[in-house]
PDB file of all heavy atoms in Angstrom:
ATOM      1  N   LEU A   1      10.294   6.224  -1.322  1.00  0.00           N
ATOM      2  CA  LEU A   1      11.165   5.065  -1.134  1.00  0.00           C
ATOM      3  C   LEU A   1      12.341   5.418  -0.215  1.00  0.00           C
ATOM      4  O   LEU A   1      12.685   4.656   0.685  1.00  0.00           O
ATOM      5  CB  LEU A   1      11.667   4.565  -2.492  1.00  0.00           C
ATOM      6  CG  LEU A   1      12.310   3.185  -2.509  1.00  0.00           C
ATOM      7  CD1 LEU A   1      11.406   2.129  -1.899  1.00  0.00           C
ATOM      8  CD2 LEU A   1      12.696   2.799  -3.927  1.00  0.00           C
ATOM      9  N   SER A   2      12.917   6.603  -0.413  1.00  0.00           N
ATOM     10  CA  SER A   2      14.016   7.060   0.462  1.00  0.00           C
ATOM     11  C   SER A   2      13.535   7.182   1.904  1.00  0.00           C
ATOM     12  O   SER A   2      14.237   6.781   2.842  1.00  0.00           O
ATOM     13  CB  SER A   2      14.554   8.411  -0.006  1.00  0.00           C
ATOM     14  OG  SER A   2      15.106   8.291  -1.284  1.00  0.00           O
ATOM     15  N   GLN A   3      12.333   7.746   2.093  1.00  0.00           N
ATOM     16  CA  GLN A   3      11.784   7.869   3.445  1.00  0.00           C
ATOM     17  C   GLN A   3      11.611   6.487   4.080  1.00  0.00           C
ATOM     18  O   GLN A   3      11.961   6.282   5.245  1.00  0.00           O
ATOM     19  CB  GLN A   3      10.426   8.600   3.398  1.00  0.00           C
ATOM     20  CG  GLN A   3      10.544  10.074   3.076  1.00  0.00           C
ATOM     21  CD  GLN A   3       9.180  10.714   2.840  1.00  0.00           C
ATOM     22  OE1 GLN A   3       8.344  10.198   2.110  1.00  0.00           O
ATOM     23  NE2 GLN A   3       8.956  11.859   3.474  1.00  0.00           N
ATOM     24  N   LEU A   4      11.095   5.551   3.293  1.00  0.00           N
ATOM     25  CA  LEU A   4      10.888   4.193   3.814  1.00  0.00           C
ATOM     26  C   LEU A   4      12.213   3.525   4.167  1.00  0.00           C
ATOM     27  O   LEU A   4      12.309   2.811   5.162  1.00  0.00           O
ATOM     28  CB  LEU A   4      10.113   3.344   2.796  1.00  0.00           C
ATOM     29  CG  LEU A   4       8.667   3.769   2.517  1.00  0.00           C
ATOM     30  CD1 LEU A   4       8.078   2.944   1.376  1.00  0.00           C
ATOM     31  CD2 LEU A   4       7.792   3.663   3.766  1.00  0.00           C
ATOM     32  N   GLN A   5      13.237   3.780   3.360  1.00  0.00           N
ATOM     33  CA  GLN A   5      14.544   3.182   3.644  1.00  0.00           C
ATOM     34  C   GLN A   5      15.119   3.714   4.956  1.00  0.00           C
ATOM     35  O   GLN A   5      15.754   2.975   5.703  1.00  0.00           O
ATOM     36  CB  GLN A   5      15.505   3.434   2.482  1.00  0.00           C
ATOM     37  CG  GLN A   5      15.175   2.560   1.275  1.00  0.00           C
ATOM     38  CD  GLN A   5      15.921   2.981   0.023  1.00  0.00           C
ATOM     39  OE1 GLN A   5      16.293   4.141  -0.159  1.00  0.00           O
ATOM     40  NE2 GLN A   5      16.131   2.033  -0.868  1.00  0.00           N
ATOM     41  N   VAL A   6      14.888   4.980   5.243  1.00  0.00           N
ATOM     42  CA  VAL A   6      15.399   5.567   6.491  1.00  0.00           C
ATOM     43  C   VAL A   6      14.567   5.091   7.686  1.00  0.00           C
ATOM     44  O   VAL A   6      15.104   4.674   8.708  1.00  0.00           O
ATOM     45  CB  VAL A   6      15.400   7.120   6.411  1.00  0.00           C
ATOM     46  CG1 VAL A   6      15.744   7.725   7.766  1.00  0.00           C
ATOM     47  CG2 VAL A   6      16.380   7.598   5.344  1.00  0.00           C
ATOM     48  N   ILE A   7      13.234   5.160   7.551  1.00  0.00           N
ATOM     49  CA  ILE A   7      12.347   4.818   8.667  1.00  0.00           C
ATOM     50  C   ILE A   7      12.339   3.306   8.910  1.00  0.00           C
ATOM     51  O   ILE A   7      12.257   2.854  10.050  1.00  0.00           O
ATOM     52  CB  ILE A   7      10.919   5.360   8.404  1.00  0.00           C
ATOM     53  CG1 ILE A   7      10.961   6.901   8.309  1.00  0.00           C
ATOM     54  CG2 ILE A   7       9.935   4.915   9.494  1.00  0.00           C
ATOM     55  CD1 ILE A   7       9.704   7.521   7.730  1.00  0.00           C
ATOM     56  N   ASN A   8      12.401   2.542   7.821  1.00  0.00           N
ATOM     57  CA  ASN A   8      12.420   1.081   7.891  1.00  0.00           C
ATOM     58  C   ASN A   8      11.213   0.521   8.662  1.00  0.00           C
ATOM     59  O   ASN A   8      11.359  -0.223   9.628  1.00  0.00           O
ATOM     60  CB  ASN A   8      13.731   0.598   8.517  1.00  0.00           C
ATOM     61  CG  ASN A   8      13.943  -0.881   8.299  1.00  0.00           C
ATOM     62  OD1 ASN A   8      13.402  -1.457   7.369  1.00  0.00           O
ATOM     63  ND2 ASN A   8      14.698  -1.508   9.177  1.00  0.00           N
ATOM     64  N   PRO A   9       9.973   0.885   8.212  1.00  0.00           N
ATOM     65  CA  PRO A   9       8.787   0.408   8.927  1.00  0.00           C
ATOM     66  C   PRO A   9       8.526  -1.069   8.650  1.00  0.00           C
ATOM     67  O   PRO A   9       9.062  -1.643   7.697  1.00  0.00           O
ATOM     68  CB  PRO A   9       7.665   1.257   8.324  1.00  0.00           C
ATOM     69  CG  PRO A   9       8.110   1.475   6.909  1.00  0.00           C
ATOM     70  CD  PRO A   9       9.618   1.627   6.998  1.00  0.00           C
ATOM     71  N   LYS A  10       7.684  -1.658   9.479  1.00  0.00           N
ATOM     72  CA  LYS A  10       7.243  -3.038   9.244  1.00  0.00           C
ATOM     73  C   LYS A  10       5.951  -3.042   8.428  1.00  0.00           C
ATOM     74  O   LYS A  10       5.624  -4.010   7.770  1.00  0.00           O
ATOM     75  CB  LYS A  10       6.973  -3.730  10.584  1.00  0.00           C
ATOM     76  CG  LYS A  10       8.167  -3.763  11.517  1.00  0.00           C
ATOM     77  CD  LYS A  10       8.626  -5.183  11.736  1.00  0.00           C
ATOM     78  CE  LYS A  10       9.687  -5.378  12.763  1.00  0.00           C
ATOM     79  NZ  LYS A  10      10.835  -4.529  12.690  1.00  0.00           N
ATOM     80  N   LEU A  11       5.202  -1.906   8.502  1.00  0.00           N
ATOM     81  CA  LEU A  11       3.883  -1.848   7.882  1.00  0.00           C
ATOM     82  C   LEU A  11       3.635  -0.478   7.272  1.00  0.00           C
ATOM     83  O   LEU A  11       3.934   0.546   7.892  1.00  0.00           O
ATOM     84  CB  LEU A  11       2.806  -2.123   8.946  1.00  0.00           C
ATOM     85  CG  LEU A  11       1.375  -2.281   8.458  1.00  0.00           C
ATOM     86  CD1 LEU A  11       1.182  -3.621   7.752  1.00  0.00           C
ATOM     87  CD2 LEU A  11       0.388  -2.189   9.630  1.00  0.00           C
ATOM     88  N   ILE A  12       3.074  -0.489   6.049  1.00  0.00           N
ATOM     89  CA  ILE A  12       2.565   0.735   5.424  1.00  0.00           C
ATOM     90  C   ILE A  12       1.052   0.633   5.453  1.00  0.00           C
ATOM     91  O   ILE A  12       0.484  -0.355   4.959  1.00  0.00           O
ATOM     92  CB  ILE A  12       3.034   0.865   3.958  1.00  0.00           C
ATOM     93  CG1 ILE A  12       4.545   1.050   3.875  1.00  0.00           C
ATOM     94  CG2 ILE A  12       2.311   2.020   3.264  1.00  0.00           C
ATOM     95  CD1 ILE A  12       5.084   0.962   2.447  1.00  0.00           C
ATOM     96  N   VAL A  13       0.396   1.626   6.040  1.00  0.00           N
ATOM     97  CA  VAL A  13      -1.059   1.708   5.974  1.00  0.00           C
ATOM     98  C   VAL A  13      -1.378   2.665   4.832  1.00  0.00           C
ATOM     99  O   VAL A  13      -1.106   3.866   4.927  1.00  0.00           O
ATOM    100  CB  VAL A  13      -1.672   2.217   7.298  1.00  0.00           C
ATOM    101  CG1 VAL A  13      -3.185   2.363   7.168  1.00  0.00           C
ATOM    102  CG2 VAL A  13      -1.327   1.283   8.450  1.00  0.00           C
ATOM    103  N   THR A  14      -1.904   2.108   3.722  1.00  0.00           N
ATOM    104  CA  THR A  14      -2.277   2.978   2.608  1.00  0.00           C
ATOM    105  C   THR A  14      -3.676   3.516   2.878  1.00  0.00           C
ATOM    106  O   THR A  14      -4.566   2.774   3.309  1.00  0.00           O
ATOM    107  CB  THR A  14      -2.257   2.226   1.259  1.00  0.00           C
ATOM    108  OG1 THR A  14      -3.083   1.063   1.357  1.00  0.00           O
ATOM    109  CG2 THR A  14      -0.847   1.828   0.865  1.00  0.00           C
ATOM    110  N   LEU A  15      -3.852   4.803   2.642  1.00  0.00           N
ATOM    111  CA  LEU A  15      -5.148   5.456   2.841  1.00  0.00           C
ATOM    112  C   LEU A  15      -5.731   5.761   1.462  1.00  0.00           C
ATOM    113  O   LEU A  15      -5.201   6.601   0.728  1.00  0.00           O
ATOM    114  CB  LEU A  15      -4.979   6.728   3.662  1.00  0.00           C
ATOM    115  CG  LEU A  15      -4.437   6.513   5.087  1.00  0.00           C
ATOM    116  CD1 LEU A  15      -4.047   7.830   5.728  1.00  0.00           C
ATOM    117  CD2 LEU A  15      -5.456   5.771   5.945  1.00  0.00           C
ATOM    118  N   GLY A  16      -6.774   5.035   1.080  1.00  0.00           N
ATOM    119  CA  GLY A  16      -7.369   5.206  -0.241  1.00  0.00           C
ATOM    120  C   GLY A  16      -6.719   4.305  -1.277  1.00  0.00           C
ATOM    121  O   GLY A  16      -5.747   3.600  -0.997  1.00  0.00           O
ATOM    122  N   SER A  17      -7.268   4.360  -2.495  1.00  0.00           N
ATOM    123  CA  SER A  17      -6.815   3.415  -3.521  1.00  0.00           C
ATOM    124  C   SER A  17      -5.620   3.910  -4.330  1.00  0.00           C
ATOM    125  O   SER A  17      -4.892   3.099  -4.891  1.00  0.00           O
ATOM    126  CB  SER A  17      -7.967   3.056  -4.456  1.00  0.00           C
ATOM    127  OG  SER A  17      -8.480   4.218  -5.053  1.00  0.00           O
ATOM    128  N   ALA A  18      -5.367   5.223  -4.405  1.00  0.00           N
ATOM    129  CA  ALA A  18      -4.283   5.720  -5.276  1.00  0.00           C
ATOM    130  C   ALA A  18      -2.918   5.204  -4.817  1.00  0.00           C
ATOM    131  O   ALA A  18      -2.159   4.646  -5.622  1.00  0.00           O
ATOM    132  CB  ALA A  18      -4.283   7.247  -5.328  1.00  0.00           C
ATOM    133  N   SER A  19      -2.611   5.365  -3.530  1.00  0.00           N
ATOM    134  CA  SER A  19      -1.300   4.911  -3.054  1.00  0.00           C
ATOM    135  C   SER A  19      -1.211   3.384  -3.111  1.00  0.00           C
ATOM    136  O   SER A  19      -0.174   2.824  -3.471  1.00  0.00           O
ATOM    137  CB  SER A  19      -1.009   5.425  -1.635  1.00  0.00           C
ATOM    138  OG  SER A  19      -2.048   5.101  -0.747  1.00  0.00           O
ATOM    139  N   LEU A  20      -2.316   2.695  -2.816  1.00  0.00           N
ATOM    140  CA  LEU A  20      -2.323   1.230  -2.874  1.00  0.00           C
ATOM    141  C   LEU A  20      -2.082   0.749  -4.308  1.00  0.00           C
ATOM    142  O   LEU A  20      -1.255  -0.130  -4.544  1.00  0.00           O
ATOM    143  CB  LEU A  20      -3.658   0.701  -2.346  1.00  0.00           C
ATOM    144  CG  LEU A  20      -3.820  -0.823  -2.349  1.00  0.00           C
ATOM    145  CD1 LEU A  20      -2.811  -1.487  -1.410  1.00  0.00           C
ATOM    146  CD2 LEU A  20      -5.243  -1.213  -1.960  1.00  0.00           C
ATOM    147  N   SER A  21      -2.810   1.338  -5.263  1.00  0.00           N
ATOM    148  CA  SER A  21      -2.655   0.961  -6.680  1.00  0.00           C
ATOM    149  C   SER A  21      -1.215   1.142  -7.138  1.00  0.00           C
ATOM    150  O   SER A  21      -0.659   0.278  -7.806  1.00  0.00           O
ATOM    151  CB  SER A  21      -3.534   1.828  -7.588  1.00  0.00           C
ATOM    152  OG  SER A  21      -4.871   1.644  -7.294  1.00  0.00           O
ATOM    153  N   TYR A  22      -0.644   2.284  -6.760  1.00  0.00           N
ATOM    154  CA  TYR A  22       0.721   2.557  -7.213  1.00  0.00           C
ATOM    155  C   TYR A  22       1.706   1.558  -6.603  1.00  0.00           C
ATOM    156  O   TYR A  22       2.533   0.978  -7.312  1.00  0.00           O
ATOM    157  CB  TYR A  22       1.153   3.997  -6.901  1.00  0.00           C
ATOM    158  CG  TYR A  22       2.510   4.249  -7.489  1.00  0.00           C
ATOM    159  CD1 TYR A  22       2.641   4.577  -8.835  1.00  0.00           C
ATOM    160  CD2 TYR A  22       3.663   4.059  -6.740  1.00  0.00           C
ATOM    161  CE1 TYR A  22       3.893   4.723  -9.409  1.00  0.00           C
ATOM    162  CE2 TYR A  22       4.916   4.198  -7.310  1.00  0.00           C
ATOM    163  CZ  TYR A  22       5.019   4.542  -8.649  1.00  0.00           C
ATOM    164  OH  TYR A  22       6.266   4.662  -9.218  1.00  0.00           O
ATOM    165  N   LEU A  23       1.626   1.353  -5.300  1.00  0.00           N
ATOM    166  CA  LEU A  23       2.579   0.466  -4.633  1.00  0.00           C
ATOM    167  C   LEU A  23       2.450  -0.980  -5.117  1.00  0.00           C
ATOM    168  O   LEU A  23       3.437  -1.692  -5.224  1.00  0.00           O
ATOM    169  CB  LEU A  23       2.411   0.526  -3.112  1.00  0.00           C
ATOM    170  CG  LEU A  23       2.786   1.865  -2.457  1.00  0.00           C
ATOM    171  CD1 LEU A  23       2.507   1.824  -0.957  1.00  0.00           C
ATOM    172  CD2 LEU A  23       4.234   2.234  -2.712  1.00  0.00           C
ATOM    173  N   LEU A  24       1.222  -1.402  -5.425  1.00  0.00           N
ATOM    174  CA  LEU A  24       1.020  -2.781  -5.889  1.00  0.00           C
ATOM    175  C   LEU A  24       1.138  -2.909  -7.409  1.00  0.00           C
ATOM    176  O   LEU A  24       1.017  -4.006  -7.952  1.00  0.00           O
ATOM    177  CB  LEU A  24      -0.348  -3.311  -5.429  1.00  0.00           C
ATOM    178  CG  LEU A  24      -0.550  -3.450  -3.929  1.00  0.00           C
ATOM    179  CD1 LEU A  24      -1.916  -4.068  -3.632  1.00  0.00           C
ATOM    180  CD2 LEU A  24       0.556  -4.281  -3.282  1.00  0.00           C
ATOM    181  N   GLU A  25       1.328  -1.749  -8.073  1.00  0.00           N
ATOM    182  CA  GLU A  25       1.434  -1.720  -9.544  1.00  0.00           C
ATOM    183  C   GLU A  25       0.219  -2.368 -10.199  1.00  0.00           C
ATOM    184  O   GLU A  25       0.329  -3.174 -11.119  1.00  0.00           O
ATOM    185  CB  GLU A  25       2.732  -2.405  -9.998  1.00  0.00           C
ATOM    186  CG  GLU A  25       3.975  -1.716  -9.446  1.00  0.00           C
ATOM    187  CD  GLU A  25       5.263  -2.481  -9.721  1.00  0.00           C
ATOM    188  OE1 GLU A  25       5.341  -3.182 -10.749  1.00  0.00           O
ATOM    189  OE2 GLU A  25       6.190  -2.376  -8.900  1.00  0.00           O
ATOM    190  N   LYS A  26      -0.959  -2.015  -9.694  1.00  0.00           N
ATOM    191  CA  LYS A  26      -2.216  -2.536 -10.254  1.00  0.00           C
ATOM    192  C   LYS A  26      -3.188  -1.383 -10.417  1.00  0.00           C
ATOM    193  O   LYS A  26      -3.345  -0.571  -9.508  1.00  0.00           O
ATOM    194  CB  LYS A  26      -2.852  -3.557  -9.309  1.00  0.00           C
ATOM    195  CG  LYS A  26      -2.109  -4.858  -9.204  1.00  0.00           C
ATOM    196  CD  LYS A  26      -2.845  -5.806  -8.282  1.00  0.00           C
ATOM    197  CE  LYS A  26      -2.076  -7.107  -8.154  1.00  0.00           C
ATOM    198  NZ  LYS A  26      -2.563  -7.947  -7.077  1.00  0.00           N
ATOM    199  N   LYS A  27      -3.868  -1.356 -11.564  1.00  0.00           N
ATOM    200  CA  LYS A  27      -4.879  -0.318 -11.777  1.00  0.00           C
ATOM    201  C   LYS A  27      -6.243  -0.835 -11.316  1.00  0.00           C
ATOM    202  O   LYS A  27      -6.451  -2.030 -11.178  1.00  0.00           O
ATOM    203  CB  LYS A  27      -4.933   0.057 -13.255  1.00  0.00           C
ATOM    204  CG  LYS A  27      -3.691   0.834 -13.680  1.00  0.00           C
ATOM    205  CD  LYS A  27      -3.844   1.408 -15.052  1.00  0.00           C
ATOM    206  CE  LYS A  27      -2.642   2.323 -15.309  1.00  0.00           C
ATOM    207  NZ  LYS A  27      -2.226   2.353 -16.657  1.00  0.00           N
ATOM    208  N   ASN A  28      -7.172   0.097 -11.148  1.00  0.00           N
ATOM    209  CA  ASN A  28      -8.567  -0.230 -10.806  1.00  0.00           C
ATOM    210  C   ASN A  28      -8.692  -1.132  -9.579  1.00  0.00           C
ATOM    211  O   ASN A  28      -9.471  -2.082  -9.570  1.00  0.00           O
ATOM    212  CB  ASN A  28      -9.281  -0.884 -12.003  1.00  0.00           C
ATOM    213  CG  ASN A  28      -9.171  -0.034 -13.243  1.00  0.00           C
ATOM    214  OD1 ASN A  28      -9.267   1.190 -13.155  1.00  0.00           O
ATOM    215  ND2 ASN A  28      -8.949  -0.653 -14.374  1.00  0.00           N
ATOM    216  N   ILE A  29      -7.932  -0.832  -8.566  1.00  0.00           N
ATOM    217  CA  ILE A  29      -8.013  -1.593  -7.314  1.00  0.00           C
ATOM    218  C   ILE A  29      -9.281  -1.190  -6.569  1.00  0.00           C
ATOM    219  O   ILE A  29      -9.621  -0.006  -6.510  1.00  0.00           O
ATOM    220  CB  ILE A  29      -6.753  -1.327  -6.456  1.00  0.00           C
ATOM    221  CG1 ILE A  29      -5.648  -2.269  -6.924  1.00  0.00           C
ATOM    222  CG2 ILE A  29      -7.020  -1.489  -4.979  1.00  0.00           C
ATOM    223  CD1 ILE A  29      -4.376  -2.185  -6.137  1.00  0.00           C
ATOM    224  N   SER A  30      -9.964  -2.162  -6.002  1.00  0.00           N
ATOM    225  CA  SER A  30     -11.130  -1.865  -5.172  1.00  0.00           C
ATOM    226  C   SER A  30     -10.692  -1.851  -3.708  1.00  0.00           C
ATOM    227  O   SER A  30     -10.382  -2.892  -3.137  1.00  0.00           O
ATOM    228  CB  SER A  30     -12.210  -2.930  -5.384  1.00  0.00           C
ATOM    229  OG  SER A  30     -13.159  -2.824  -4.351  1.00  0.00           O
ATOM    230  N   ILE A  31     -10.674  -0.659  -3.140  1.00  0.00           N
ATOM    231  CA  ILE A  31     -10.269  -0.517  -1.740  1.00  0.00           C
ATOM    232  C   ILE A  31     -11.267  -1.271  -0.845  1.00  0.00           C
ATOM    233  O   ILE A  31     -10.905  -1.838   0.177  1.00  0.00           O
ATOM    234  CB  ILE A  31     -10.120   0.974  -1.333  1.00  0.00           C
ATOM    235  CG1 ILE A  31      -9.398   1.117   0.006  1.00  0.00           C
ATOM    236  CG2 ILE A  31     -11.435   1.700  -1.303  1.00  0.00           C
ATOM    237  CD1 ILE A  31      -7.931   0.909  -0.034  1.00  0.00           C
ATOM    238  N   THR A  32     -12.534  -1.304  -1.273  1.00  0.00           N
ATOM    239  CA  THR A  32     -13.567  -1.996  -0.493  1.00  0.00           C
ATOM    240  C   THR A  32     -13.239  -3.486  -0.368  1.00  0.00           C
ATOM    241  O   THR A  32     -13.445  -4.083   0.680  1.00  0.00           O
ATOM    242  CB  THR A  32     -14.954  -1.809  -1.154  1.00  0.00           C
ATOM    243  OG1 THR A  32     -15.144  -0.414  -1.372  1.00  0.00           O
ATOM    244  CG2 THR A  32     -16.071  -2.322  -0.279  1.00  0.00           C
ATOM    245  N   LYS A  33     -12.704  -4.078  -1.437  1.00  0.00           N
ATOM    246  CA  LYS A  33     -12.371  -5.510  -1.405  1.00  0.00           C
ATOM    247  C   LYS A  33     -11.050  -5.773  -0.695  1.00  0.00           C
ATOM    248  O   LYS A  33     -10.860  -6.828  -0.109  1.00  0.00           O
ATOM    249  CB  LYS A  33     -12.281  -6.054  -2.834  1.00  0.00           C
ATOM    250  CG  LYS A  33     -13.632  -6.165  -3.501  1.00  0.00           C
ATOM    251  CD  LYS A  33     -13.535  -6.923  -4.801  1.00  0.00           C
ATOM    252  CE  LYS A  33     -14.898  -6.985  -5.463  1.00  0.00           C
ATOM    253  NZ  LYS A  33     -14.866  -6.607  -6.857  1.00  0.00           N
ATOM    254  N   MET A  34     -10.120  -4.812  -0.759  1.00  0.00           N
ATOM    255  CA  MET A  34      -8.762  -5.074  -0.259  1.00  0.00           C
ATOM    256  C   MET A  34      -8.487  -4.541   1.136  1.00  0.00           C
ATOM    257  O   MET A  34      -7.527  -4.933   1.764  1.00  0.00           O
ATOM    258  CB  MET A  34      -7.736  -4.531  -1.249  1.00  0.00           C
ATOM    259  CG  MET A  34      -7.830  -5.244  -2.593  1.00  0.00           C
ATOM    260  SD  MET A  34      -6.474  -4.837  -3.683  1.00  0.00           S
ATOM    261  CE  MET A  34      -5.158  -5.813  -2.965  1.00  0.00           C
ATOM    262  N   ARG A  35      -9.335  -3.636   1.611  1.00  0.00           N
ATOM    263  CA  ARG A  35      -9.072  -3.028   2.919  1.00  0.00           C
ATOM    264  C   ARG A  35      -9.069  -4.097   4.012  1.00  0.00           C
ATOM    265  O   ARG A  35      -9.736  -5.112   3.901  1.00  0.00           O
ATOM    266  CB  ARG A  35     -10.094  -1.927   3.251  1.00  0.00           C
ATOM    267  CG  ARG A  35     -11.533  -2.402   3.175  1.00  0.00           C
ATOM    268  CD  ARG A  35     -12.383  -2.095   4.354  1.00  0.00           C
ATOM    269  NE  ARG A  35     -12.061  -2.746   5.573  1.00  0.00           N
ATOM    270  CZ  ARG A  35     -12.479  -3.956   5.958  1.00  0.00           C
ATOM    271  NH1 ARG A  35     -13.200  -4.722   5.165  1.00  0.00           N
ATOM    272  NH2 ARG A  35     -12.161  -4.420   7.149  1.00  0.00           N
ATOM    273  N   GLY A  36      -8.244  -3.846   5.021  1.00  0.00           N
ATOM    274  CA  GLY A  36      -8.225  -4.738   6.164  1.00  0.00           C
ATOM    275  C   GLY A  36      -7.432  -6.014   5.963  1.00  0.00           C
ATOM    276  O   GLY A  36      -7.408  -6.863   6.844  1.00  0.00           O
ATOM    277  N   GLU A  37      -6.793  -6.166   4.808  1.00  0.00           N
ATOM    278  CA  GLU A  37      -5.978  -7.362   4.553  1.00  0.00           C
ATOM    279  C   GLU A  37      -4.500  -7.006   4.620  1.00  0.00           C
ATOM    280  O   GLU A  37      -4.096  -5.949   4.144  1.00  0.00           O
ATOM    281  CB  GLU A  37      -6.264  -7.904   3.144  1.00  0.00           C
ATOM    282  CG  GLU A  37      -7.555  -8.653   3.025  1.00  0.00           C
ATOM    283  CD  GLU A  37      -7.717  -9.247   1.626  1.00  0.00           C
ATOM    284  OE1 GLU A  37      -6.715  -9.744   1.067  1.00  0.00           O
ATOM    285  OE2 GLU A  37      -8.845  -9.179   1.110  1.00  0.00           O
ATOM    286  N   ILE A  38      -3.706  -7.899   5.155  1.00  0.00           N
ATOM    287  CA  ILE A  38      -2.262  -7.679   5.142  1.00  0.00           C
ATOM    288  C   ILE A  38      -1.717  -8.228   3.832  1.00  0.00           C
ATOM    289  O   ILE A  38      -1.966  -9.385   3.485  1.00  0.00           O
ATOM    290  CB  ILE A  38      -1.589  -8.334   6.360  1.00  0.00           C
ATOM    291  CG1 ILE A  38      -2.025  -7.595   7.629  1.00  0.00           C
ATOM    292  CG2 ILE A  38      -0.072  -8.326   6.203  1.00  0.00           C
ATOM    293  CD1 ILE A  38      -1.484  -8.168   8.904  1.00  0.00           C
ATOM    294  N   ILE A  39      -1.018  -7.376   3.098  1.00  0.00           N
ATOM    295  CA  ILE A  39      -0.448  -7.764   1.808  1.00  0.00           C
ATOM    296  C   ILE A  39       1.070  -7.708   1.936  1.00  0.00           C
ATOM    297  O   ILE A  39       1.626  -6.674   2.320  1.00  0.00           O
ATOM    298  CB  ILE A  39      -0.918  -6.782   0.703  1.00  0.00           C
ATOM    299  CG1 ILE A  39      -2.442  -6.767   0.613  1.00  0.00           C
ATOM    300  CG2 ILE A  39      -0.289  -7.147  -0.641  1.00  0.00           C
ATOM    301  CD1 ILE A  39      -3.013  -5.504   0.013  1.00  0.00           C
ATOM    302  N   HIS A  40       1.723  -8.817   1.650  1.00  0.00           N
ATOM    303  CA  HIS A  40       3.192  -8.824   1.696  1.00  0.00           C
ATOM    304  C   HIS A  40       3.694  -8.029   0.490  1.00  0.00           C
ATOM    305  O   HIS A  40       3.335  -8.328  -0.636  1.00  0.00           O
ATOM    306  CB  HIS A  40       3.737 -10.257   1.684  1.00  0.00           C
ATOM    307  CG  HIS A  40       3.276 -11.041   2.873  1.00  0.00           C
ATOM    308  ND1 HIS A  40       3.579 -10.676   4.172  1.00  0.00           N
ATOM    309  CD2 HIS A  40       2.501 -12.145   2.975  1.00  0.00           C
ATOM    310  CE1 HIS A  40       3.015 -11.533   5.007  1.00  0.00           C
ATOM    311  NE2 HIS A  40       2.358 -12.429   4.312  1.00  0.00           N
ATOM    312  N   TRP A  41       4.509  -7.041   0.748  1.00  0.00           N
ATOM    313  CA  TRP A  41       5.005  -6.162  -0.319  1.00  0.00           C
ATOM    314  C   TRP A  41       6.454  -6.505  -0.590  1.00  0.00           C
ATOM    315  O   TRP A  41       6.779  -7.619  -0.922  1.00  0.00           O
ATOM    316  CB  TRP A  41       4.775  -4.699   0.088  1.00  0.00           C
ATOM    317  CG  TRP A  41       5.048  -3.693  -0.997  1.00  0.00           C
ATOM    318  CD1 TRP A  41       4.557  -3.711  -2.270  1.00  0.00           C
ATOM    319  CD2 TRP A  41       5.875  -2.530  -0.897  1.00  0.00           C
ATOM    320  NE1 TRP A  41       5.022  -2.620  -2.958  1.00  0.00           N
ATOM    321  CE2 TRP A  41       5.831  -1.883  -2.152  1.00  0.00           C
ATOM    322  CE3 TRP A  41       6.642  -1.976   0.123  1.00  0.00           C
ATOM    323  CZ2 TRP A  41       6.522  -0.705  -2.406  1.00  0.00           C
ATOM    324  CZ3 TRP A  41       7.322  -0.799  -0.127  1.00  0.00           C
ATOM    325  CH2 TRP A  41       7.263  -0.173  -1.382  1.00  0.00           C
TER     326      TRP A  41
END
């Protein structure tokens, strides 16, 4: 979070389901279903 606050990116590209699950606060995320979609965070 500190890194993001300094860098201030417009987009996070999550690689794999672990980082995506954590950031979205959802378990059992299917990367196959969610990949390629822009999600407002």
